[in-house]
Amino acid sequence: MLPKIDLTTFFLSVSQAAMQSMDSASRDLEIAKHNIDLLELMHEKTHGNRSTEEDQLLNHLLFQLRMTFVSAEKESKGGASHGK
């Protein structure tokens, strides 16, 4: 049986989809970025309407996803970005 859909479940579901898209075996950074953007949109549009727990979860998920995305992007490019 699937859990009841609420903001927490939605945030976790989108986050999981983003993380799976960044998995090295099935990497699709375009899909990952799309899911991160979706969570950022939800962050903006639900501001002031989230519980403290939902707010903390969403902020944590966005931080983790952004850090993972940057690492995955560097790895995909072979870490060859040496700026001058």
PDB file of N, CA and C in Angstrom:
ATOM      1  N   MET A   1       0.845  -1.190   0.000  1.00  0.00           N
ATOM      2  CA  MET A   1       0.000   0.000   0.000  1.00  0.00           C
ATOM      3  C   MET A   1       0.885   1.246   0.000  1.00  0.00           C
ATOM      4  N   LEU A   2       0.577   2.170  -0.880  1.00  0.00           N
ATOM      5  CA  LEU A   2       1.345   3.405  -0.970  1.00  0.00           C
ATOM      6  C   LEU A   2       0.964   4.350   0.159  1.00  0.00           C
ATOM      7  N   PRO A   3       1.952   5.124   0.644  1.00  0.00           N
ATOM      8  CA  PRO A   3       1.649   6.073   1.720  1.00  0.00           C
ATOM      9  C   PRO A   3       0.760   7.213   1.215  1.00  0.00           C
ATOM     10  N   LYS A   4       0.035   7.825   2.147  1.00  0.00           N
ATOM     11  CA  LYS A   4      -0.790   8.976   1.822  1.00  0.00           C
ATOM     12  C   LYS A   4       0.121  10.100   1.308  1.00  0.00           C
ATOM     13  N   ILE A   5      -0.324  10.784   0.274  1.00  0.00           N
ATOM     14  CA  ILE A   5       0.467  11.878  -0.276  1.00  0.00           C
ATOM     15  C   ILE A   5       0.251  13.132   0.562  1.00  0.00           C
ATOM     16  N   ASP A   6       1.333  13.663   1.062  1.00  0.00           N
ATOM     17  CA  ASP A   6       1.349  14.947   1.740  1.00  0.00           C
ATOM     18  C   ASP A   6       2.633  15.643   1.296  1.00  0.00           C
ATOM     19  N   LEU A   7       2.903  16.827   1.797  1.00  0.00           N
ATOM     20  CA  LEU A   7       4.102  17.545   1.350  1.00  0.00           C
ATOM     21  C   LEU A   7       5.382  16.770   1.632  1.00  0.00           C
ATOM     22  N   THR A   8       5.474  16.172   2.805  1.00  0.00           N
ATOM     23  CA  THR A   8       6.675  15.414   3.158  1.00  0.00           C
ATOM     24  C   THR A   8       6.892  14.269   2.181  1.00  0.00           C
ATOM     25  N   THR A   9       5.853  13.516   1.905  1.00  0.00           N
ATOM     26  CA  THR A   9       5.962  12.396   0.966  1.00  0.00           C
ATOM     27  C   THR A   9       6.332  12.899  -0.429  1.00  0.00           C
ATOM     28  N   PHE A  10       5.721  13.996  -0.847  1.00  0.00           N
ATOM     29  CA  PHE A  10       6.029  14.578  -2.153  1.00  0.00           C
ATOM     30  C   PHE A  10       7.487  15.006  -2.233  1.00  0.00           C
ATOM     31  N   PHE A  11       7.962  15.735  -1.216  1.00  0.00           N
ATOM     32  CA  PHE A  11       9.353  16.192  -1.204  1.00  0.00           C
ATOM     33  C   PHE A  11      10.314  15.002  -1.259  1.00  0.00           C
ATOM     34  N   LEU A  12      10.030  13.977  -0.472  1.00  0.00           N
ATOM     35  CA  LEU A  12      10.895  12.795  -0.448  1.00  0.00           C
ATOM     36  C   LEU A  12      10.872  12.053  -1.779  1.00  0.00           C
ATOM     37  N   SER A  13       9.717  11.968  -2.398  1.00  0.00           N
ATOM     38  CA  SER A  13       9.579  11.278  -3.673  1.00  0.00           C
ATOM     39  C   SER A  13      10.376  11.980  -4.777  1.00  0.00           C
ATOM     40  N   VAL A  14      10.233  13.286  -4.864  1.00  0.00           N
ATOM     41  CA  VAL A  14      10.969  14.051  -5.885  1.00  0.00           C
ATOM     42  C   VAL A  14      12.471  13.994  -5.606  1.00  0.00           C
ATOM     43  N   SER A  15      12.829  14.071  -4.346  1.00  0.00           N
ATOM     44  CA  SER A  15      14.236  13.987  -3.960  1.00  0.00           C
ATOM     45  C   SER A  15      14.832  12.638  -4.345  1.00  0.00           C
ATOM     46  N   GLN A  16      14.096  11.579  -4.088  1.00  0.00           N
ATOM     47  CA  GLN A  16      14.568  10.240  -4.433  1.00  0.00           C
ATOM     48  C   GLN A  16      14.752  10.102  -5.944  1.00  0.00           C
ATOM     49  N   ALA A  17      13.826  10.653  -6.709  1.00  0.00           N
ATOM     50  CA  ALA A  17      13.940  10.610  -8.169  1.00  0.00           C
ATOM     51  C   ALA A  17      15.190  11.365  -8.634  1.00  0.00           C
ATOM     52  N   ALA A  18      15.459  12.497  -8.009  1.00  0.00           N
ATOM     53  CA  ALA A  18      16.657  13.269  -8.356  1.00  0.00           C
ATOM     54  C   ALA A  18      17.926  12.483  -8.019  1.00  0.00           C
ATOM     55  N   MET A  19      17.938  11.866  -6.843  1.00  0.00           N
ATOM     56  CA  MET A  19      19.122  11.095  -6.438  1.00  0.00           C
ATOM     57  C   MET A  19      19.342   9.908  -7.372  1.00  0.00           C
ATOM     58  N   GLN A  20      18.278   9.232  -7.754  1.00  0.00           N
ATOM     59  CA  GLN A  20      18.411   8.099  -8.670  1.00  0.00           C
ATOM     60  C   GLN A  20      18.948   8.556 -10.017  1.00  0.00           C
ATOM     61  N   SER A  21      18.575   9.748 -10.444  1.00  0.00           N
ATOM     62  CA  SER A  21      19.062  10.281 -11.719  1.00  0.00           C
ATOM     63  C   SER A  21      20.543  10.624 -11.661  1.00  0.00           C
ATOM     64  N   MET A  22      21.060  10.797 -10.468  1.00  0.00           N
ATOM     65  CA  MET A  22      22.487  11.122 -10.318  1.00  0.00           C
ATOM     66  C   MET A  22      23.329   9.891 -10.018  1.00  0.00           C
ATOM     67  N   ASP A  23      22.680   8.731  -9.886  1.00  0.00           N
ATOM     68  CA  ASP A  23      23.403   7.483  -9.654  1.00  0.00           C
ATOM     69  C   ASP A  23      24.351   7.244 -10.822  1.00  0.00           C
ATOM     70  N   SER A  24      25.568   6.844 -10.523  1.00  0.00           N
ATOM     71  CA  SER A  24      26.581   6.697 -11.573  1.00  0.00           C
ATOM     72  C   SER A  24      26.212   5.658 -12.619  1.00  0.00           C
ATOM     73  N   ALA A  25      25.403   4.666 -12.252  1.00  0.00           N
ATOM     74  CA  ALA A  25      25.028   3.620 -13.206  1.00  0.00           C
ATOM     75  C   ALA A  25      23.993   4.124 -14.218  1.00  0.00           C
ATOM     76  N   SER A  26      23.144   5.042 -13.798  1.00  0.00           N
ATOM     77  CA  SER A  26      22.085   5.515 -14.698  1.00  0.00           C
ATOM     78  C   SER A  26      22.049   7.042 -14.745  1.00  0.00           C
ATOM     79  N   ARG A  27      23.189   7.655 -14.812  1.00  0.00           N
ATOM     80  CA  ARG A  27      23.288   9.109 -14.673  1.00  0.00           C
ATOM     81  C   ARG A  27      22.548   9.856 -15.781  1.00  0.00           C
ATOM     82  N   ASP A  28      21.649  10.731 -15.363  1.00  0.00           N
ATOM     83  CA  ASP A  28      20.949  11.648 -16.259  1.00  0.00           C
ATOM     84  C   ASP A  28      20.809  12.964 -15.508  1.00  0.00           C
ATOM     85  N   LEU A  29      21.820  13.808 -15.651  1.00  0.00           N
ATOM     86  CA  LEU A  29      21.851  15.048 -14.884  1.00  0.00           C
ATOM     87  C   LEU A  29      20.766  16.028 -15.297  1.00  0.00           C
ATOM     88  N   GLU A  30      20.275  15.915 -16.512  1.00  0.00           N
ATOM     89  CA  GLU A  30      19.185  16.786 -16.953  1.00  0.00           C
ATOM     90  C   GLU A  30      17.914  16.484 -16.156  1.00  0.00           C
ATOM     91  N   ILE A  31      17.623  15.212 -15.973  1.00  0.00           N
ATOM     92  CA  ILE A  31      16.453  14.812 -15.167  1.00  0.00           C
ATOM     93  C   ILE A  31      16.670  15.197 -13.705  1.00  0.00           C
ATOM     94  N   ALA A  32      17.875  14.987 -13.206  1.00  0.00           N
ATOM     95  CA  ALA A  32      18.176  15.366 -11.818  1.00  0.00           C
ATOM     96  C   ALA A  32      17.952  16.859 -11.611  1.00  0.00           C
ATOM     97  N   LYS A  33      18.453  17.676 -12.529  1.00  0.00           N
ATOM     98  CA  LYS A  33      18.296  19.126 -12.428  1.00  0.00           C
ATOM     99  C   LYS A  33      16.816  19.505 -12.484  1.00  0.00           C
ATOM    100  N   HIS A  34      16.066  18.837 -13.333  1.00  0.00           N
ATOM    101  CA  HIS A  34      14.625  19.099 -13.435  1.00  0.00           C
ATOM    102  C   HIS A  34      13.934  18.841 -12.084  1.00  0.00           C
ATOM    103  N   ASN A  35      14.280  17.744 -11.435  1.00  0.00           N
ATOM    104  CA  ASN A  35      13.677  17.426 -10.130  1.00  0.00           C
ATOM    105  C   ASN A  35      14.126  18.392  -9.044  1.00  0.00           C
ATOM    106  N   ILE A  36      15.373  18.805  -9.076  1.00  0.00           N
ATOM    107  CA  ILE A  36      15.858  19.810  -8.111  1.00  0.00           C
ATOM    108  C   ILE A  36      15.119  21.124  -8.331  1.00  0.00           C
ATOM    109  N   ASP A  37      14.968  21.507  -9.594  1.00  0.00           N
ATOM    110  CA  ASP A  37      14.221  22.727  -9.918  1.00  0.00           C
ATOM    111  C   ASP A  37      12.774  22.642  -9.419  1.00  0.00           C
ATOM    112  N   LEU A  38      12.173  21.462  -9.534  1.00  0.00           N
ATOM    113  CA  LEU A  38      10.806  21.260  -9.046  1.00  0.00           C
ATOM    114  C   LEU A  38      10.739  21.484  -7.533  1.00  0.00           C
ATOM    115  N   LEU A  39      11.707  20.951  -6.804  1.00  0.00           N
ATOM    116  CA  LEU A  39      11.725  21.171  -5.352  1.00  0.00           C
ATOM    117  C   LEU A  39      11.974  22.642  -5.020  1.00  0.00           C
ATOM    118  N   GLU A  40      12.818  23.313  -5.808  1.00  0.00           N
ATOM    119  CA  GLU A  40      13.046  24.745  -5.585  1.00  0.00           C
ATOM    120  C   GLU A  40      11.770  25.544  -5.832  1.00  0.00           C
ATOM    121  N   LEU A  41      10.999  25.159  -6.851  1.00  0.00           N
ATOM    122  CA  LEU A  41       9.721  25.801  -7.123  1.00  0.00           C
ATOM    123  C   LEU A  41       8.768  25.597  -5.942  1.00  0.00           C
ATOM    124  N   MET A  42       8.713  24.371  -5.429  1.00  0.00           N
ATOM    125  CA  MET A  42       7.863  24.088  -4.279  1.00  0.00           C
ATOM    126  C   MET A  42       8.320  24.867  -3.051  1.00  0.00           C
ATOM    127  N   HIS A  43       9.621  25.028  -2.906  1.00  0.00           N
ATOM    128  CA  HIS A  43      10.175  25.812  -1.794  1.00  0.00           C
ATOM    129  C   HIS A  43       9.647  27.247  -1.864  1.00  0.00           C
ATOM    130  N   GLU A  44       9.677  27.797  -3.066  1.00  0.00           N
ATOM    131  CA  GLU A  44       9.218  29.171  -3.264  1.00  0.00           C
ATOM    132  C   GLU A  44       7.703  29.295  -3.096  1.00  0.00           C
ATOM    133  N   LYS A  45       6.950  28.390  -3.724  1.00  0.00           N
ATOM    134  CA  LYS A  45       5.495  28.520  -3.773  1.00  0.00           C
ATOM    135  C   LYS A  45       4.795  28.114  -2.481  1.00  0.00           C
ATOM    136  N   THR A  46       5.457  27.321  -1.645  1.00  0.00           N
ATOM    137  CA  THR A  46       4.822  26.906  -0.387  1.00  0.00           C
ATOM    138  C   THR A  46       5.367  27.679   0.813  1.00  0.00           C
ATOM    139  N   HIS A  47       6.198  28.693   0.552  1.00  0.00           N
ATOM    140  CA  HIS A  47       6.769  29.498   1.639  1.00  0.00           C
ATOM    141  C   HIS A  47       5.650  30.063   2.519  1.00  0.00           C
ATOM    142  N   GLY A  48       5.809  29.885   3.811  1.00  0.00           N
ATOM    143  CA  GLY A  48       4.816  30.363   4.760  1.00  0.00           C
ATOM    144  C   GLY A  48       3.668  29.397   4.997  1.00  0.00           C
ATOM    145  N   ASN A  49       3.623  28.337   4.222  1.00  0.00           N
ATOM    146  CA  ASN A  49       2.545  27.347   4.350  1.00  0.00           C
ATOM    147  C   ASN A  49       3.056  25.972   4.758  1.00  0.00           C
ATOM    148  N   ARG A  50       4.329  25.867   5.099  1.00  0.00           N
ATOM    149  CA  ARG A  50       4.908  24.591   5.522  1.00  0.00           C
ATOM    150  C   ARG A  50       5.039  24.566   7.040  1.00  0.00           C
ATOM    151  N   SER A  51       4.943  23.362   7.592  1.00  0.00           N
ATOM    152  CA  SER A  51       5.213  23.204   9.024  1.00  0.00           C
ATOM    153  C   SER A  51       6.728  23.343   9.234  1.00  0.00           C
ATOM    154  N   THR A  52       7.125  23.477  10.461  1.00  0.00           N
ATOM    155  CA  THR A  52       8.555  23.572  10.773  1.00  0.00           C
ATOM    156  C   THR A  52       9.288  22.336  10.275  1.00  0.00           C
ATOM    157  N   GLU A  53       8.687  21.163  10.473  1.00  0.00           N
ATOM    158  CA  GLU A  53       9.316  19.911  10.037  1.00  0.00           C
ATOM    159  C   GLU A  53       9.429  19.851   8.517  1.00  0.00           C
ATOM    160  N   GLU A  54       8.377  20.259   7.811  1.00  0.00           N
ATOM    161  CA  GLU A  54       8.419  20.275   6.347  1.00  0.00           C
ATOM    162  C   GLU A  54       9.472  21.251   5.842  1.00  0.00           C
ATOM    163  N   ASP A  55       9.562  22.398   6.493  1.00  0.00           N
ATOM    164  CA  ASP A  55      10.545  23.415   6.115  1.00  0.00           C
ATOM    165  C   ASP A  55      11.969  22.896   6.297  1.00  0.00           C
ATOM    166  N   GLN A  56      12.223  22.285   7.443  1.00  0.00           N
ATOM    167  CA  GLN A  56      13.557  21.736   7.709  1.00  0.00           C
ATOM    168  C   GLN A  56      13.900  20.625   6.731  1.00  0.00           C
ATOM    169  N   LEU A  57      12.940  19.747   6.455  1.00  0.00           N
ATOM    170  CA  LEU A  57      13.173  18.653   5.522  1.00  0.00           C
ATOM    171  C   LEU A  57      13.488  19.193   4.130  1.00  0.00           C
ATOM    172  N   LEU A  58      12.673  20.120   3.640  1.00  0.00           N
ATOM    173  CA  LEU A  58      12.882  20.652   2.298  1.00  0.00           C
ATOM    174  C   LEU A  58      14.225  21.365   2.187  1.00  0.00           C
ATOM    175  N   ASN A  59      14.583  22.145   3.179  1.00  0.00           N
ATOM    176  CA  ASN A  59      15.892  22.821   3.153  1.00  0.00           C
ATOM    177  C   ASN A  59      17.033  21.807   3.154  1.00  0.00           C
ATOM    178  N   HIS A  60      16.907  20.771   3.957  1.00  0.00           N
ATOM    179  CA  HIS A  60      17.934  19.723   4.019  1.00  0.00           C
ATOM    180  C   HIS A  60      18.043  18.992   2.681  1.00  0.00           C
ATOM    181  N   LEU A  61      16.905  18.600   2.114  1.00  0.00           N
ATOM    182  CA  LEU A  61      16.907  17.882   0.838  1.00  0.00           C
ATOM    183  C   LEU A  61      17.527  18.726  -0.267  1.00  0.00           C
ATOM    184  N   LEU A  62      17.151  19.996  -0.327  1.00  0.00           N
ATOM    185  CA  LEU A  62      17.711  20.863  -1.365  1.00  0.00           C
ATOM    186  C   LEU A  62      19.225  21.014  -1.205  1.00  0.00           C
ATOM    187  N   PHE A  63      19.691  21.174   0.021  1.00  0.00           N
ATOM    188  CA  PHE A  63      21.135  21.289   0.253  1.00  0.00           C
ATOM    189  C   PHE A  63      21.848  20.019  -0.225  1.00  0.00           C
ATOM    190  N   GLN A  64      21.352  18.864   0.216  1.00  0.00           N
ATOM    191  CA  GLN A  64      21.978  17.589  -0.150  1.00  0.00           C
ATOM    192  C   GLN A  64      21.954  17.367  -1.666  1.00  0.00           C
ATOM    193  N   LEU A  65      20.831  17.645  -2.293  1.00  0.00           N
ATOM    194  CA  LEU A  65      20.713  17.445  -3.738  1.00  0.00           C
ATOM    195  C   LEU A  65      21.639  18.365  -4.518  1.00  0.00           C
ATOM    196  N   ARG A  66      21.731  19.609  -4.081  1.00  0.00           N
ATOM    197  CA  ARG A  66      22.624  20.554  -4.769  1.00  0.00           C
ATOM    198  C   ARG A  66      24.081  20.118  -4.653  1.00  0.00           C
ATOM    199  N   MET A  67      24.479  19.679  -3.467  1.00  0.00           N
ATOM    200  CA  MET A  67      25.858  19.224  -3.279  1.00  0.00           C
ATOM    201  C   MET A  67      26.139  17.968  -4.108  1.00  0.00           C
ATOM    202  N   THR A  68      25.205  17.053  -4.113  1.00  0.00           N
ATOM    203  CA  THR A  68      25.360  15.823  -4.890  1.00  0.00           C
ATOM    204  C   THR A  68      25.397  16.135  -6.379  1.00  0.00           C
ATOM    205  N   PHE A  69      24.567  17.077  -6.820  1.00  0.00           N
ATOM    206  CA  PHE A  69      24.535  17.456  -8.228  1.00  0.00           C
ATOM    207  C   PHE A  69      25.875  18.039  -8.666  1.00  0.00           C
ATOM    208  N   VAL A  70      26.431  18.928  -7.861  1.00  0.00           N
ATOM    209  CA  VAL A  70      27.729  19.528  -8.192  1.00  0.00           C
ATOM    210  C   VAL A  70      28.796  18.444  -8.305  1.00  0.00           C
ATOM    211  N   SER A  71      28.809  17.502  -7.371  1.00  0.00           N
ATOM    212  CA  SER A  71      29.778  16.399  -7.414  1.00  0.00           C
ATOM    213  C   SER A  71      29.568  15.526  -8.646  1.00  0.00           C
ATOM    214  N   ALA A  72      28.326  15.206  -8.953  1.00  0.00           N
ATOM    215  CA  ALA A  72      28.027  14.365 -10.115  1.00  0.00           C
ATOM    216  C   ALA A  72      28.417  15.075 -11.404  1.00  0.00           C
ATOM    217  N   GLU A  73      28.188  16.367 -11.449  1.00  0.00           N
ATOM    218  CA  GLU A  73      28.537  17.153 -12.633  1.00  0.00           C
ATOM    219  C   GLU A  73      30.051  17.168 -12.838  1.00  0.00           C
ATOM    220  N   LYS A  74      30.800  17.356 -11.748  1.00  0.00           N
ATOM    221  CA  LYS A  74      32.264  17.336 -11.829  1.00  0.00           C
ATOM    222  C   LYS A  74      32.754  15.967 -12.274  1.00  0.00           C
ATOM    223  N   GLU A  75      32.158  14.921 -11.714  1.00  0.00           N
ATOM    224  CA  GLU A  75      32.548  13.559 -12.064  1.00  0.00           C
ATOM    225  C   GLU A  75      32.259  13.262 -13.536  1.00  0.00           C
ATOM    226  N   SER A  76      31.127  13.747 -14.024  1.00  0.00           N
ATOM    227  CA  SER A  76      30.759  13.532 -15.431  1.00  0.00           C
ATOM    228  C   SER A  76      31.734  14.215 -16.377  1.00  0.00           C
ATOM    229  N   LYS A  77      32.251  15.351 -15.940  1.00  0.00           N
ATOM    230  CA  LYS A  77      33.220  16.083 -16.755  1.00  0.00           C
ATOM    231  C   LYS A  77      34.636  15.592 -16.535  1.00  0.00           C
ATOM    232  N   GLY A  78      34.787  14.574 -15.718  1.00  0.00           N
ATOM    233  CA  GLY A  78      36.099  14.015 -15.445  1.00  0.00           C
ATOM    234  C   GLY A  78      36.950  14.861 -14.521  1.00  0.00           C
ATOM    235  N   GLY A  79      36.292  15.795 -13.827  1.00  0.00           N
ATOM    236  CA  GLY A  79      37.021  16.655 -12.895  1.00  0.00           C
ATOM    237  C   GLY A  79      38.027  17.531 -13.603  1.00  0.00           C
ATOM    238  N   ALA A  80      37.805  17.795 -14.896  1.00  0.00           N
ATOM    239  CA  ALA A  80      38.791  18.516 -15.698  1.00  0.00           C
ATOM    240  C   ALA A  80      38.580  20.022 -15.723  1.00  0.00           C
ATOM    241  N   SER A  81      37.781  20.533 -14.817  1.00  0.00           N
ATOM    242  CA  SER A  81      37.563  21.989 -14.839  1.00  0.00           C
ATOM    243  C   SER A  81      38.591  22.686 -13.961  1.00  0.00           C
ATOM    244  N   HIS A  82      39.660  23.119 -14.594  1.00  0.00           N
ATOM    245  CA  HIS A  82      40.721  23.852 -13.901  1.00  0.00           C
ATOM    246  C   HIS A  82      40.667  25.287 -14.392  1.00  0.00           C
ATOM    247  N   GLY A  83      39.964  26.148 -13.664  1.00  0.00           N
ATOM    248  CA  GLY A  83      39.813  27.532 -14.085  1.00  0.00           C
ATOM    249  C   GLY A  83      41.102  28.314 -14.002  1.00  0.00           C
ATOM    250  N   LYS A  84      41.180  29.372 -14.811  1.00  0.00           N
ATOM    251  CA  LYS A  84      42.377  30.221 -14.813  1.00  0.00           C
ATOM    252  C   LYS A  84      42.076  31.502 -14.104  1.00  0.00           C
TER     253      LYS A  84
END
